[in-house]
Amino acid sequence: LAAADEGAVRIDDEAHRVGRAEEGAFEVVVAAPTEDIDESVAGLVRTLALLVPAATVVLAAVVWVLVGRTLRPVERIRTEVAAIGLDELDRRVPQPAGDDEIARLASTMNEMLERLDQANQRQQRFVADASHELRTPLAGIRARLEDAKLHPAETDLEELVDGALGDVERLQAIIDDLLFLTRVCAADPRKMELIDLGELVRAETAARECPVEVRLDLDGLTTIKAVRNEIARAYVNLIDNAQRHAKRIIEVEVRTEGTYVVVSVGDDGPGVPEDKREWIFERFARLDSARSRDRGGTGLGLTIVRDIAVAHGGTVTVDESRYGGARFVVRLPLVPGYSSPDGAGPADADRRPSAAPHRGG
């Protein structure tokens, strides 16, 4: 570097060169020992070789504990559900505190078990009631046949056959209704069609014989989408029920109410007590004062009406008619903006006449 003092000195930072500008460039190489760096790197490697496995083990243990603590309620839920039998549907899974995903899972499982328990209880009651209902006509047939066998000379064959046929008809009616109920779980979309409910009611009423006066009040444009034979069966059941209890008058009304078509069937009979208006739709439910076996019916007619209405997205309720008897009200979703085949549109609805009072078929 001393020799470089005679001329200008240029320093190239990129190549780390020092040289004379006039006489040519030369390089200066500076070296230093790297033992300290090697020792630092080796020490860091040794430290990491010890710390990384230890940290991994500690982290795995912490994750194991946390995951185990988190999933422990799930395992308790699984164990409890696995232990619940068909005769133990009243049991419930343990529900942890809080509102996290596991707590909501336990709550959902308990709600499902509650629904299963209620369904199981309904099924058991249904089987017991059905067995009793089927046993009654069978017992009648057996009693008549045994009496005829013990006293053949005193037996009126025609009376025996008529009585047995009556019991057989009752058995057949109960079995038919039971089979129908098993099919009415949800309306089959493939069988659904647009139906003018007012026209269906008019046709079904005209096709029946009724010992009392039937007054019809039918609006236009009461169109629904439904399975025709099921809706017809629901209306026939309501008419049959009203016919058994009416004294002189049955009043049938079909109208639109918001987004629903409302069908109401009322009579001037004894009515339904307010505290029995939900219970009356249960299977084989009967009111002692008005719905005895002697007056006909299988005890399943109103249950069928309810199941059909629910399957079609509707409801059925009962209240008091204007004559003091019972009034059953079915609400079914309306198909808006539909024109009937005869060309009646929304503007024509008020001009369609209501049916005159009807008696007989």
Protein backbone atom coordinates (compact mmCIF):
# COMPACT_ATOMS: atom_id res chain seq x y z
CA LEU A 1 0.00 0.00 0.00
CA ALA A 2 2.99 2.32 0.60
CA ALA A 3 4.01 1.92 -3.02
CA ALA A 4 0.56 2.96 -4.04
CA ASP A 5 0.99 6.35 -2.40
CA GLU A 6 2.95 7.62 -5.44
CA GLY A 7 -0.13 7.62 -7.58
CA ALA A 8 -3.89 7.81 -7.27
CA VAL A 9 -5.42 4.87 -5.46
CA ARG A 10 -8.80 3.43 -6.46
CA ILE A 11 -10.80 1.07 -4.26
CA ASP A 12 -13.35 -1.22 -5.97
CA ASP A 13 -15.84 -2.14 -3.23
CA GLU A 14 -17.52 -4.88 -5.22
CA ALA A 15 -14.35 -6.91 -5.87
CA HIS A 16 -12.52 -5.64 -2.75
CA ARG A 17 -9.52 -4.63 -4.83
CA VAL A 18 -6.99 -1.87 -4.15
CA GLY A 19 -4.76 -0.65 -7.03
CA ARG A 20 -2.97 2.20 -8.69
CA ALA A 21 -4.97 4.05 -11.25
CA GLU A 22 -2.06 4.99 -13.56
CA GLU A 23 0.32 2.00 -13.60
CA GLY A 24 -2.18 -0.89 -13.43
CA ALA A 25 -4.28 -2.72 -10.87
CA PHE A 26 -3.21 -5.27 -8.30
CA GLU A 27 -5.11 -7.30 -5.73
CA VAL A 28 -4.68 -7.53 -1.99
CA VAL A 29 -5.90 -10.75 -0.36
CA VAL A 30 -6.69 -10.60 3.37
CA ALA A 31 -7.20 -13.89 5.31
CA ALA A 32 -8.45 -14.51 8.85
CA PRO A 33 -8.90 -17.75 10.89
CA THR A 34 -12.47 -19.24 11.01
CA GLU A 35 -12.14 -21.42 14.12
CA ASP A 36 -14.45 -19.13 16.13
CA ILE A 37 -17.14 -19.31 13.48
CA ASP A 38 -16.85 -23.08 13.20
CA GLU A 39 -17.10 -23.44 16.97
CA SER A 40 -20.20 -21.18 17.07
CA VAL A 41 -21.90 -23.15 14.33
CA ALA A 42 -21.05 -26.47 15.97
CA GLY A 43 -22.37 -25.22 19.30
CA LEU A 44 -25.60 -24.06 17.69
CA VAL A 45 -26.01 -27.44 16.00
CA ARG A 46 -25.47 -29.27 19.30
CA THR A 47 -27.97 -27.01 21.04
CA LEU A 48 -30.61 -27.51 18.33
CA ALA A 49 -29.99 -31.25 18.32
CA LEU A 50 -30.94 -31.31 21.98
CA LEU A 51 -33.70 -28.70 22.03
CA VAL A 52 -35.67 -29.69 18.90
CA PRO A 53 -36.40 -33.29 19.98
CA ALA A 54 -37.17 -32.16 23.52
CA ALA A 55 -39.49 -29.41 22.28
CA THR A 56 -41.16 -31.86 19.90
CA VAL A 57 -41.80 -34.32 22.73
CA VAL A 58 -43.17 -31.59 24.99
CA LEU A 59 -45.38 -30.20 22.20
CA ALA A 60 -46.69 -33.67 21.37
CA ALA A 61 -47.49 -34.30 25.04
CA VAL A 62 -49.33 -30.99 25.33
CA VAL A 63 -51.30 -31.67 22.14
CA TRP A 64 -52.13 -35.18 23.37
CA VAL A 65 -53.43 -33.86 26.67
CA LEU A 66 -55.43 -31.04 25.08
CA VAL A 67 -56.93 -33.23 22.35
CA GLY A 68 -57.72 -35.97 24.86
CA ARG A 69 -59.40 -33.49 27.17
CA THR A 70 -61.35 -32.06 24.23
CA LEU A 71 -62.48 -35.43 22.88
CA ARG A 72 -63.21 -37.02 26.24
CA PRO A 73 -66.83 -35.72 26.22
CA VAL A 74 -67.24 -37.11 22.69
CA GLU A 75 -66.10 -40.52 23.91
CA ARG A 76 -68.58 -40.35 26.81
CA ILE A 77 -71.34 -39.46 24.35
CA ARG A 78 -70.34 -42.36 22.08
CA THR A 79 -70.24 -44.80 25.00
CA GLU A 80 -73.66 -43.70 26.25
CA VAL A 81 -75.27 -43.89 22.81
CA ALA A 82 -73.78 -47.35 22.25
CA ALA A 83 -75.29 -48.53 25.55
CA ILE A 84 -78.83 -47.26 24.84
CA GLY A 85 -81.21 -50.03 23.81
CA LEU A 86 -84.68 -49.90 22.32
CA ASP A 87 -86.20 -50.21 25.78
CA GLU A 88 -83.97 -47.46 27.21
CA LEU A 89 -84.76 -44.53 24.93
CA ASP A 90 -85.50 -42.39 27.97
CA ARG A 91 -81.76 -42.21 28.70
CA ARG A 92 -79.79 -39.12 27.65
CA VAL A 93 -76.13 -38.45 26.86
CA PRO A 94 -74.07 -36.23 29.21
CA GLN A 95 -74.08 -32.65 28.05
CA PRO A 96 -70.96 -30.58 28.86
CA ALA A 97 -71.22 -26.98 29.94
CA GLY A 98 -70.75 -24.18 27.46
CA ASP A 99 -71.92 -23.54 23.93
CA ASP A 100 -69.15 -25.02 21.83
CA GLU A 101 -69.46 -27.64 19.10
CA ILE A 102 -69.36 -30.60 21.48
CA ALA A 103 -72.05 -29.12 23.74
CA ARG A 104 -74.25 -28.53 20.71
CA LEU A 105 -73.57 -32.08 19.52
CA ALA A 106 -74.71 -33.46 22.89
CA SER A 107 -77.81 -31.25 22.81
CA THR A 108 -78.66 -32.45 19.30
CA MET A 109 -78.19 -36.08 20.33
CA ASN A 110 -80.52 -35.60 23.30
CA GLU A 111 -83.15 -33.97 21.08
CA MET A 112 -82.90 -36.90 18.66
CA LEU A 113 -83.25 -39.37 21.54
CA GLU A 114 -86.30 -37.44 22.75
CA ARG A 115 -87.91 -37.72 19.31
CA LEU A 116 -87.09 -41.43 19.12
CA ASP A 117 -88.53 -41.96 22.60
CA GLN A 118 -91.77 -40.18 21.69
CA ALA A 119 -92.04 -42.12 18.42
CA ASN A 120 -91.44 -45.38 20.26
CA GLN A 121 -94.11 -44.55 22.84
CA ARG A 122 -96.57 -43.65 20.10
CA GLN A 123 -95.81 -46.90 18.31
CA GLN A 124 -96.31 -48.94 21.48
CA ARG A 125 -99.63 -47.20 22.19
CA PHE A 126 -100.66 -47.71 18.59
CA VAL A 127 -99.86 -51.43 18.68
CA ALA A 128 -101.74 -51.82 21.97
CA ASP A 129 -104.75 -49.87 20.69
CA ALA A 130 -104.75 -51.66 17.34
CA SER A 131 -104.59 -55.03 19.06
CA HIS A 132 -107.56 -54.08 21.22
CA GLU A 133 -109.55 -52.73 18.30
CA LEU A 134 -108.90 -55.83 16.20
CA ARG A 135 -109.61 -58.16 19.10
CA THR A 136 -113.11 -56.73 19.69
CA PRO A 137 -114.73 -57.81 16.38
CA LEU A 138 -112.85 -61.10 16.48
CA ALA A 139 -114.26 -61.76 19.92
CA GLY A 140 -117.75 -60.96 18.60
CA ILE A 141 -117.40 -63.41 15.74
CA ARG A 142 -116.07 -66.11 18.04
CA ALA A 143 -118.87 -65.59 20.56
CA ARG A 144 -121.53 -65.90 17.85
CA LEU A 145 -119.95 -69.05 16.40
CA GLU A 146 -119.52 -70.69 19.82
CA ASP A 147 -123.11 -69.90 20.75
CA ALA A 148 -124.31 -71.40 17.45
CA LYS A 149 -122.24 -74.50 18.08
CA LEU A 150 -123.65 -74.96 21.60
CA HIS A 151 -127.25 -74.27 20.58
CA PRO A 152 -127.60 -75.16 16.91
CA ALA A 153 -131.35 -75.67 17.11
CA GLU A 154 -131.89 -72.20 18.55
CA THR A 155 -129.53 -70.44 16.15
CA ASP A 156 -130.96 -68.16 13.50
CA LEU A 157 -128.56 -68.70 10.60
CA GLU A 158 -129.43 -65.44 8.88
CA GLU A 159 -128.91 -63.46 12.07
CA LEU A 160 -125.62 -65.27 12.72
CA VAL A 161 -124.31 -64.54 9.25
CA ASP A 162 -125.41 -60.90 9.38
CA GLY A 163 -123.70 -60.36 12.72
CA ALA A 164 -120.50 -62.08 11.60
CA LEU A 165 -120.46 -60.09 8.37
CA GLY A 166 -120.82 -56.86 10.35
CA ASP A 167 -117.82 -57.75 12.48
CA VAL A 168 -115.83 -58.79 9.41
CA GLU A 169 -116.64 -55.48 7.73
CA ARG A 170 -115.42 -53.64 10.80
CA LEU A 171 -112.21 -55.68 10.78
CA GLN A 172 -111.70 -54.93 7.12
CA ALA A 173 -112.30 -51.21 7.68
CA ILE A 174 -109.75 -51.08 10.51
CA ILE A 175 -107.15 -52.98 8.48
CA ASP A 176 -107.72 -50.77 5.44
CA ASP A 177 -107.28 -47.63 7.54
CA LEU A 178 -104.14 -49.02 9.17
CA LEU A 179 -102.64 -49.82 5.79
CA PHE A 180 -103.58 -46.39 4.50
CA LEU A 181 -101.85 -44.74 7.46
CA THR A 182 -98.62 -46.59 6.71
CA ARG A 183 -98.58 -45.05 3.23
CA VAL A 184 -99.42 -41.48 4.21
CA CYS A 185 -96.00 -40.37 5.45
CA ALA A 186 -95.20 -37.84 2.74
CA ALA A 187 -97.08 -36.88 -0.37
CA ASP A 188 -95.51 -38.55 -3.40
CA PRO A 189 -94.46 -35.73 -5.79
CA ARG A 190 -94.92 -38.09 -8.74
CA LYS A 191 -98.64 -38.42 -7.94
CA MET A 192 -99.31 -34.76 -7.18
CA GLU A 193 -101.42 -32.69 -9.54
CA LEU A 194 -103.20 -29.35 -9.64
CA ILE A 195 -106.64 -29.71 -8.06
CA ASP A 196 -109.51 -27.26 -7.79
CA LEU A 197 -110.45 -28.08 -4.21
CA GLY A 198 -113.85 -26.46 -4.51
CA GLU A 199 -114.76 -28.65 -7.46
CA LEU A 200 -113.45 -31.75 -5.69
CA VAL A 201 -115.61 -30.99 -2.66
CA ARG A 202 -118.64 -30.39 -4.87
CA ALA A 203 -118.15 -33.71 -6.70
CA GLU A 204 -117.53 -35.78 -3.56
CA THR A 205 -120.55 -34.29 -1.82
CA ALA A 206 -122.83 -34.95 -4.78
CA ALA A 207 -121.66 -38.57 -4.95
CA ARG A 208 -122.71 -39.33 -1.36
CA GLU A 209 -126.03 -39.91 0.30
CA CYS A 210 -126.48 -37.92 3.47
CA PRO A 211 -129.55 -38.05 5.76
CA VAL A 212 -129.10 -34.39 6.74
CA GLU A 213 -128.83 -31.18 4.78
CA VAL A 214 -125.36 -30.30 3.47
CA ARG A 215 -124.81 -26.60 2.77
CA LEU A 216 -121.93 -25.77 0.45
CA ASP A 217 -120.17 -22.41 0.23
CA LEU A 218 -117.43 -22.69 -2.40
CA ASP A 219 -115.10 -19.94 -3.61
CA GLY A 220 -113.34 -19.95 -6.96
CA LEU A 221 -109.60 -20.36 -7.57
CA THR A 222 -109.05 -22.68 -4.63
CA THR A 223 -106.28 -24.57 -6.40
CA ILE A 224 -103.80 -26.80 -4.59
CA LYS A 225 -101.12 -29.26 -5.66
CA ALA A 226 -101.82 -32.61 -4.04
CA VAL A 227 -102.49 -36.31 -4.44
CA ARG A 228 -106.13 -36.39 -5.48
CA ASN A 229 -107.23 -39.63 -3.82
CA GLU A 230 -105.64 -38.65 -0.51
CA ILE A 231 -107.28 -35.22 -0.42
CA ALA A 232 -110.60 -36.80 -1.40
CA ARG A 233 -110.16 -39.35 1.40
CA ALA A 234 -109.54 -36.59 3.95
CA TYR A 235 -112.70 -34.73 2.91
CA VAL A 236 -114.80 -37.92 2.90
CA ASN A 237 -113.58 -38.72 6.42
CA LEU A 238 -114.61 -35.26 7.62
CA ILE A 239 -118.04 -35.62 6.01
CA ASP A 240 -118.49 -39.09 7.52
CA ASN A 241 -117.53 -37.77 10.94
CA ALA A 242 -119.95 -34.85 10.66
CA GLN A 243 -122.71 -37.11 9.36
CA ARG A 244 -122.47 -39.38 12.41
CA HIS A 245 -122.93 -36.47 14.80
CA ALA A 246 -125.06 -33.90 12.94
CA LYS A 247 -128.73 -33.49 13.85
CA ARG A 248 -130.00 -31.57 10.83
CA ILE A 249 -127.23 -29.55 9.15
CA ILE A 250 -123.69 -29.96 7.86
CA GLU A 251 -121.99 -26.83 6.58
CA VAL A 252 -119.01 -27.08 4.20
CA GLU A 253 -116.98 -24.02 3.23
CA VAL A 254 -114.00 -23.72 0.85
CA ARG A 255 -112.21 -20.38 0.64
CA THR A 256 -108.79 -18.80 0.23
CA GLU A 257 -107.08 -17.30 3.26
CA GLY A 258 -103.75 -15.65 2.48
CA THR A 259 -101.49 -18.31 0.97
CA TYR A 260 -103.75 -21.18 2.00
CA VAL A 261 -106.94 -22.85 0.86
CA VAL A 262 -109.20 -23.45 3.85
CA VAL A 263 -111.77 -26.25 3.99
CA SER A 264 -114.11 -26.24 6.98
CA VAL A 265 -116.73 -28.87 7.81
CA GLY A 266 -119.10 -28.00 10.63
CA ASP A 267 -122.20 -29.62 12.11
CA ASP A 268 -124.87 -29.02 14.73
CA GLY A 269 -123.96 -32.05 16.83
CA PRO A 270 -122.57 -32.23 20.39
CA GLY A 271 -119.18 -30.73 19.45
CA VAL A 272 -115.73 -31.46 20.87
CA PRO A 273 -114.73 -30.23 24.35
CA GLU A 274 -111.90 -27.72 24.27
CA ASP A 275 -109.58 -29.91 26.32
CA LYS A 276 -110.01 -32.78 23.81
CA ARG A 277 -109.38 -30.84 20.60
CA GLU A 278 -105.78 -31.99 20.23
CA TRP A 279 -106.31 -35.48 21.57
CA ILE A 280 -109.19 -36.19 19.16
CA PHE A 281 -106.67 -36.62 16.29
CA GLU A 282 -104.80 -39.45 18.02
CA ARG A 283 -105.27 -42.97 16.72
CA PHE A 284 -108.36 -44.75 18.07
CA ALA A 285 -109.30 -41.68 20.13
CA ARG A 286 -113.01 -41.54 20.89
CA LEU A 287 -115.23 -39.21 22.87
CA ASP A 288 -117.51 -41.29 25.07
CA SER A 289 -120.51 -39.06 24.50
CA ALA A 290 -120.45 -38.97 20.73
CA ARG A 291 -117.89 -41.28 19.14
CA SER A 292 -118.85 -44.76 20.27
CA ARG A 293 -118.36 -47.88 18.15
CA ASP A 294 -122.11 -48.22 17.78
CA ARG A 295 -122.14 -45.06 15.67
CA GLY A 296 -119.62 -46.36 13.17
CA GLY A 297 -116.07 -45.42 12.36
CA THR A 298 -112.78 -47.10 13.09
CA GLY A 299 -111.27 -44.43 15.31
CA LEU A 300 -108.70 -43.64 12.62
CA GLY A 301 -110.61 -41.25 10.38
CA LEU A 302 -109.42 -38.00 11.98
CA THR A 303 -105.90 -39.37 12.30
CA ILE A 304 -105.90 -39.97 8.55
CA VAL A 305 -107.13 -36.41 7.96
CA ARG A 306 -104.31 -35.01 10.11
CA ASP A 307 -101.61 -37.12 8.45
CA ILE A 308 -102.81 -36.22 4.95
CA ALA A 309 -102.88 -32.50 5.79
CA VAL A 310 -99.38 -32.61 7.31
CA ALA A 311 -98.01 -34.63 4.37
CA HIS A 312 -99.24 -31.88 2.02
CA GLY A 313 -97.72 -29.06 4.09
CA GLY A 314 -100.97 -28.13 5.82
CA THR A 315 -102.70 -28.32 9.19
CA VAL A 316 -106.02 -29.39 10.67
CA THR A 317 -107.73 -27.96 13.75
CA VAL A 318 -111.13 -28.21 15.39
CA ASP A 319 -113.23 -25.51 17.00
CA GLU A 320 -116.93 -24.71 17.43
CA SER A 321 -119.28 -24.24 14.49
CA ARG A 322 -121.91 -21.53 14.27
CA TYR A 323 -124.50 -24.16 15.21
CA GLY A 324 -122.73 -25.18 18.40
CA GLY A 325 -121.28 -28.40 17.05
CA ALA A 326 -117.76 -29.25 15.89
CA ARG A 327 -116.05 -27.49 12.99
CA PHE A 328 -112.97 -29.11 11.48
CA VAL A 329 -110.69 -26.72 9.56
CA VAL A 330 -108.06 -27.95 7.09
CA ARG A 331 -105.51 -25.50 5.66
CA LEU A 332 -103.52 -26.47 2.56
CA PRO A 333 -101.00 -24.38 0.56
CA LEU A 334 -102.59 -22.42 -2.27
CA VAL A 335 -101.19 -22.49 -5.81
CA PRO A 336 -101.43 -18.77 -6.73
CA GLY A 337 -102.22 -17.39 -10.17
CA TYR A 338 -103.67 -20.62 -11.55
CA SER A 339 -106.52 -20.49 -14.08
CA SER A 340 -108.94 -23.37 -13.95
CA PRO A 341 -109.73 -25.35 -17.13
CA ASP A 342 -113.02 -23.47 -17.59
CA GLY A 343 -111.07 -20.23 -18.01
CA ALA A 344 -111.92 -18.66 -14.67
CA GLY A 345 -109.11 -16.34 -13.59
CA PRO A 346 -108.58 -14.03 -10.63
CA ALA A 347 -111.04 -11.53 -12.00
CA ASP A 348 -113.71 -14.20 -12.27
CA ALA A 349 -113.37 -15.53 -8.74
CA ASP A 350 -116.08 -13.39 -7.23
CA ARG A 351 -118.51 -14.22 -10.02
CA ARG A 352 -118.43 -17.99 -9.55
CA PRO A 353 -121.65 -19.01 -7.79
CA SER A 354 -121.69 -20.91 -4.52
CA ALA A 355 -123.41 -24.25 -4.53
CA ALA A 356 -126.97 -24.49 -3.35
CA PRO A 357 -127.83 -26.54 -0.26
CA HIS A 358 -127.44 -30.24 -0.99
CA ARG A 359 -129.34 -33.17 0.41
CA GLY A 360 -128.63 -36.73 -0.48
CA GLY A 361 -126.62 -38.02 -3.43
